[in-house]
Amino acid sequence: MIRLPSLIFASLLIVGCSTNVSRYQMPGADLGSVQRLYVNVEDEERQAETILSSIQSDLRSRGFEVEYNDGNVAFGEGDYIFDYATDWHWDLTWYLLELRVGIYEPGSNTLVAQAHSQQTSLVRKSPEIVVERALASLFNDEPETDGDEE
């Protein structure tokens, strides 16, 4: 006979060991038209260099030209804005709880697609893996999540 407190504890443990990766794309939007991405840079981001370097490397490996958006960009055909936001938490050490990424049309700032990767402290992964998962989801690739649920 399983006791109720044991069942509750096991349920909480399972919920605490998870990763959530999701995406949204505007109906009719075509990410195939994206050629160049201008990344909005957040000055106050914790470990911004690690995140920016990982984002830039991943996007370039997908064949995109990547530039920083300094606010004085003259956008052309195939140019889009890439934005990201991080959510860091403390649990004995700092870890990246969530990364949200999005692609926007310049001028109108209309959302084309967005994705996010979220994990709990018990499944914490390196910022590079979180970036990889979020971008895989953004471009509708199958993100790697093996070993995240225990």
C-alpha atoms as a PDB file:
ATOM      1  CA  MET A   1       0.000   0.000   0.000  1.00  0.00           C
ATOM      2  CA  ILE A   2       1.418   3.358  -1.059  1.00  0.00           C
ATOM      3  CA  ARG A   3       0.953   6.119   1.443  1.00  0.00           C
ATOM      4  CA  LEU A   4      -0.391   9.474   0.330  1.00  0.00           C
ATOM      5  CA  PRO A   5       2.663  11.525   1.467  1.00  0.00           C
ATOM      6  CA  SER A   6       4.973   9.234  -0.529  1.00  0.00           C
ATOM      7  CA  LEU A   7       2.797   9.598  -3.605  1.00  0.00           C
ATOM      8  CA  ILE A   8       2.740  13.391  -3.265  1.00  0.00           C
ATOM      9  CA  PHE A   9       6.526  13.525  -2.822  1.00  0.00           C
ATOM     10  CA  ALA A  10       7.103  11.317  -5.878  1.00  0.00           C
ATOM     11  CA  SER A  11       4.752  13.471  -7.951  1.00  0.00           C
ATOM     12  CA  LEU A  12       6.549  16.665  -6.925  1.00  0.00           C
ATOM     13  CA  LEU A  13       9.919  15.098  -7.678  1.00  0.00           C
ATOM     14  CA  ILE A  14       8.825  14.091 -11.182  1.00  0.00           C
ATOM     15  CA  VAL A  15       7.394  17.558 -11.872  1.00  0.00           C
ATOM     16  CA  GLY A  16      10.619  19.122 -10.574  1.00  0.00           C
ATOM     17  CA  CYS A  17      12.745  17.186 -13.085  1.00  0.00           C
ATOM     18  CA  SER A  18      11.490  18.471 -16.389  1.00  0.00           C
ATOM     19  CA  THR A  19      12.273  20.543 -19.427  1.00  0.00           C
ATOM     20  CA  ASN A  20       9.724  22.470 -21.453  1.00  0.00           C
ATOM     21  CA  VAL A  21      10.523  23.542 -25.009  1.00  0.00           C
ATOM     22  CA  SER A  22       7.850  25.222 -27.119  1.00  0.00           C
ATOM     23  CA  ARG A  23       7.367  27.439 -30.169  1.00  0.00           C
ATOM     24  CA  TYR A  24       4.858  29.712 -31.837  1.00  0.00           C
ATOM     25  CA  GLN A  25       4.815  30.893 -35.450  1.00  0.00           C
ATOM     26  CA  MET A  26       2.453  33.438 -36.948  1.00  0.00           C
ATOM     27  CA  PRO A  27       0.038  31.816 -39.395  1.00  0.00           C
ATOM     28  CA  GLY A  28       1.317  32.314 -42.930  1.00  0.00           C
ATOM     29  CA  ALA A  29       4.792  33.376 -41.771  1.00  0.00           C
ATOM     30  CA  ASP A  30       7.684  31.896 -43.749  1.00  0.00           C
ATOM     31  CA  LEU A  31      11.009  31.619 -41.941  1.00  0.00           C
ATOM     32  CA  GLY A  32      12.538  30.624 -45.279  1.00  0.00           C
ATOM     33  CA  SER A  33      12.541  34.309 -46.268  1.00  0.00           C
ATOM     34  CA  VAL A  34      14.851  35.187 -43.362  1.00  0.00           C
ATOM     35  CA  GLN A  35      18.386  35.891 -44.593  1.00  0.00           C
ATOM     36  CA  ARG A  36      19.910  38.296 -42.082  1.00  0.00           C
ATOM     37  CA  LEU A  37      19.126  38.622 -38.392  1.00  0.00           C
ATOM     38  CA  TYR A  38      19.908  41.730 -36.364  1.00  0.00           C
ATOM     39  CA  VAL A  39      20.294  40.723 -32.718  1.00  0.00           C
ATOM     40  CA  ASN A  40      19.023  43.106 -30.041  1.00  0.00           C
ATOM     41  CA  VAL A  41      21.699  43.121 -27.333  1.00  0.00           C
ATOM     42  CA  GLU A  42      20.740  43.402 -23.686  1.00  0.00           C
ATOM     43  CA  ASP A  43      23.489  45.187 -21.750  1.00  0.00           C
ATOM     44  CA  GLU A  44      22.483  43.974 -18.311  1.00  0.00           C
ATOM     45  CA  GLU A  45      22.101  40.291 -19.180  1.00  0.00           C
ATOM     46  CA  ARG A  46      23.946  37.949 -16.822  1.00  0.00           C
ATOM     47  CA  GLN A  47      26.658  36.107 -18.782  1.00  0.00           C
ATOM     48  CA  ALA A  48      25.612  38.045 -21.900  1.00  0.00           C
ATOM     49  CA  GLU A  49      28.795  37.114 -23.753  1.00  0.00           C
ATOM     50  CA  THR A  50      28.114  33.373 -23.321  1.00  0.00           C
ATOM     51  CA  ILE A  51      24.511  33.702 -24.486  1.00  0.00           C
ATOM     52  CA  LEU A  52      25.332  36.057 -27.385  1.00  0.00           C
ATOM     53  CA  SER A  53      28.218  33.896 -28.566  1.00  0.00           C
ATOM     54  CA  SER A  54      26.067  30.748 -28.465  1.00  0.00           C
ATOM     55  CA  ILE A  55      23.155  32.455 -30.267  1.00  0.00           C
ATOM     56  CA  GLN A  56      25.424  33.918 -32.937  1.00  0.00           C
ATOM     57  CA  SER A  57      27.223  30.612 -33.509  1.00  0.00           C
ATOM     58  CA  ASP A  58      23.995  28.603 -33.748  1.00  0.00           C
ATOM     59  CA  LEU A  59      22.332  31.078 -36.126  1.00  0.00           C
ATOM     60  CA  ARG A  60      25.400  31.183 -38.385  1.00  0.00           C
ATOM     61  CA  SER A  61      25.528  27.379 -38.476  1.00  0.00           C
ATOM     62  CA  ARG A  62      21.953  27.536 -39.815  1.00  0.00           C
ATOM     63  CA  GLY A  63      23.109  29.748 -42.685  1.00  0.00           C
ATOM     64  CA  PHE A  64      21.970  33.165 -41.419  1.00  0.00           C
ATOM     65  CA  GLU A  65      23.992  36.349 -41.523  1.00  0.00           C
ATOM     66  CA  VAL A  66      24.084  37.728 -37.986  1.00  0.00           C
ATOM     67  CA  GLU A  67      24.674  41.367 -37.049  1.00  0.00           C
ATOM     68  CA  TYR A  68      24.065  43.401 -33.902  1.00  0.00           C
ATOM     69  CA  ASN A  69      21.150  45.839 -33.959  1.00  0.00           C
ATOM     70  CA  ASP A  70      22.583  49.186 -32.885  1.00  0.00           C
ATOM     71  CA  GLY A  71      19.389  51.092 -33.692  1.00  0.00           C
ATOM     72  CA  ASN A  72      20.816  52.682 -36.852  1.00  0.00           C
ATOM     73  CA  VAL A  73      20.254  49.757 -39.209  1.00  0.00           C
ATOM     74  CA  ALA A  74      18.780  50.271 -42.684  1.00  0.00           C
ATOM     75  CA  PHE A  75      16.823  47.042 -43.089  1.00  0.00           C
ATOM     76  CA  GLY A  76      16.589  45.404 -46.500  1.00  0.00           C
ATOM     77  CA  GLU A  77      14.681  42.495 -47.995  1.00  0.00           C
ATOM     78  CA  GLY A  78      15.156  39.354 -45.906  1.00  0.00           C
ATOM     79  CA  ASP A  79      16.320  41.301 -42.827  1.00  0.00           C
ATOM     80  CA  TYR A  80      14.627  40.607 -39.493  1.00  0.00           C
ATOM     81  CA  ILE A  81      15.142  41.495 -35.855  1.00  0.00           C
ATOM     82  CA  PHE A  82      16.145  38.743 -33.430  1.00  0.00           C
ATOM     83  CA  ASP A  83      15.377  39.339 -29.765  1.00  0.00           C
ATOM     84  CA  TYR A  84      16.030  37.245 -26.683  1.00  0.00           C
ATOM     85  CA  ALA A  85      15.345  37.356 -22.963  1.00  0.00           C
ATOM     86  CA  THR A  86      16.845  35.267 -20.195  1.00  0.00           C
ATOM     87  CA  ASP A  87      15.547  34.350 -16.772  1.00  0.00           C
ATOM     88  CA  TRP A  88      18.317  33.386 -14.337  1.00  0.00           C
ATOM     89  CA  HIS A  89      17.646  31.833 -10.933  1.00  0.00           C
ATOM     90  CA  TRP A  90      19.691  31.007  -7.878  1.00  0.00           C
ATOM     91  CA  ASP A  91      19.742  27.519  -6.364  1.00  0.00           C
ATOM     92  CA  LEU A  92      23.185  27.155  -4.763  1.00  0.00           C
ATOM     93  CA  THR A  93      24.559  28.513  -8.057  1.00  0.00           C
ATOM     94  CA  TRP A  94      23.126  30.698 -10.821  1.00  0.00           C
ATOM     95  CA  TYR A  95      21.478  28.779 -13.646  1.00  0.00           C
ATOM     96  CA  LEU A  96      19.532  29.696 -16.753  1.00  0.00           C
ATOM     97  CA  LEU A  97      15.919  28.825 -15.957  1.00  0.00           C
ATOM     98  CA  GLU A  98      14.434  30.065 -19.231  1.00  0.00           C
ATOM     99  CA  LEU A  99      15.468  31.516 -22.571  1.00  0.00           C
ATOM    100  CA  ARG A 100      12.907  33.182 -24.838  1.00  0.00           C
ATOM    101  CA  VAL A 101      13.813  33.994 -28.436  1.00  0.00           C
ATOM    102  CA  GLY A 102      11.832  35.722 -31.160  1.00  0.00           C
ATOM    103  CA  ILE A 103      12.035  36.951 -34.734  1.00  0.00           C
ATOM    104  CA  TYR A 104      10.294  40.221 -35.638  1.00  0.00           C
ATOM    105  CA  GLU A 105       9.651  42.093 -38.861  1.00  0.00           C
ATOM    106  CA  PRO A 106      11.541  45.384 -38.907  1.00  0.00           C
ATOM    107  CA  GLY A 107       9.488  48.570 -39.006  1.00  0.00           C
ATOM    108  CA  SER A 108       6.193  47.093 -37.794  1.00  0.00           C
ATOM    109  CA  ASN A 109       7.883  44.985 -35.094  1.00  0.00           C
ATOM    110  CA  THR A 110       5.385  42.205 -35.864  1.00  0.00           C
ATOM    111  CA  LEU A 111       6.221  38.866 -34.255  1.00  0.00           C
ATOM    112  CA  VAL A 112       7.037  36.238 -36.891  1.00  0.00           C
ATOM    113  CA  ALA A 113       8.018  33.353 -34.603  1.00  0.00           C
ATOM    114  CA  GLN A 114       9.087  32.773 -31.033  1.00  0.00           C
ATOM    115  CA  ALA A 115      10.271  29.884 -28.887  1.00  0.00           C
ATOM    116  CA  HIS A 116      11.401  29.220 -25.377  1.00  0.00           C
ATOM    117  CA  SER A 117      13.316  26.619 -23.442  1.00  0.00           C
ATOM    118  CA  GLN A 118      12.627  26.233 -19.736  1.00  0.00           C
ATOM    119  CA  GLN A 119      14.114  23.829 -17.223  1.00  0.00           C
ATOM    120  CA  THR A 120      14.038  23.271 -13.502  1.00  0.00           C
ATOM    121  CA  SER A 121      17.084  23.447 -11.250  1.00  0.00           C
ATOM    122  CA  LEU A 122      17.154  19.648 -10.963  1.00  0.00           C
ATOM    123  CA  VAL A 123      17.621  19.300 -14.738  1.00  0.00           C
ATOM    124  CA  ARG A 124      19.810  22.358 -15.173  1.00  0.00           C
ATOM    125  CA  LYS A 125      21.825  22.389 -18.363  1.00  0.00           C
ATOM    126  CA  SER A 126      24.554  24.704 -19.596  1.00  0.00           C
ATOM    127  CA  PRO A 127      23.507  27.983 -21.223  1.00  0.00           C
ATOM    128  CA  GLU A 128      24.808  26.655 -24.557  1.00  0.00           C
ATOM    129  CA  ILE A 129      22.422  23.686 -24.450  1.00  0.00           C
ATOM    130  CA  VAL A 130      19.502  25.939 -23.491  1.00  0.00           C
ATOM    131  CA  VAL A 131      20.312  28.182 -26.483  1.00  0.00           C
ATOM    132  CA  GLU A 132      20.548  25.149 -28.772  1.00  0.00           C
ATOM    133  CA  ARG A 133      17.153  23.866 -27.624  1.00  0.00           C
ATOM    134  CA  ALA A 134      15.401  27.222 -27.958  1.00  0.00           C
ATOM    135  CA  LEU A 135      16.757  27.819 -31.466  1.00  0.00           C
ATOM    136  CA  ALA A 136      15.993  24.259 -32.569  1.00  0.00           C
ATOM    137  CA  SER A 137      12.435  24.830 -31.438  1.00  0.00           C
ATOM    138  CA  LEU A 138      12.281  28.252 -33.128  1.00  0.00           C
ATOM    139  CA  PHE A 139      13.237  26.763 -36.485  1.00  0.00           C
ATOM    140  CA  ASN A 140      10.994  23.716 -35.935  1.00  0.00           C
ATOM    141  CA  ASP A 141      13.846  21.239 -35.506  1.00  0.00           C
ATOM    142  CA  GLU A 142      13.494  18.503 -32.937  1.00  0.00           C
ATOM    143  CA  PRO A 143      15.282  19.760 -29.800  1.00  0.00           C
ATOM    144  CA  GLU A 144      17.425  17.240 -27.923  1.00  0.00           C
ATOM    145  CA  THR A 145      15.956  16.590 -24.461  1.00  0.00           C
ATOM    146  CA  ASP A 146      17.256  13.086 -23.646  1.00  0.00           C
ATOM    147  CA  GLY A 147      17.911  12.540 -19.976  1.00  0.00           C
ATOM    148  CA  ASP A 148      15.853  15.509 -18.795  1.00  0.00           C
ATOM    149  CA  GLU A 149      13.033  13.616 -17.128  1.00  0.00           C
ATOM    150  CA  GLU A 150      14.056  11.259 -14.390  1.00  0.00           C
END
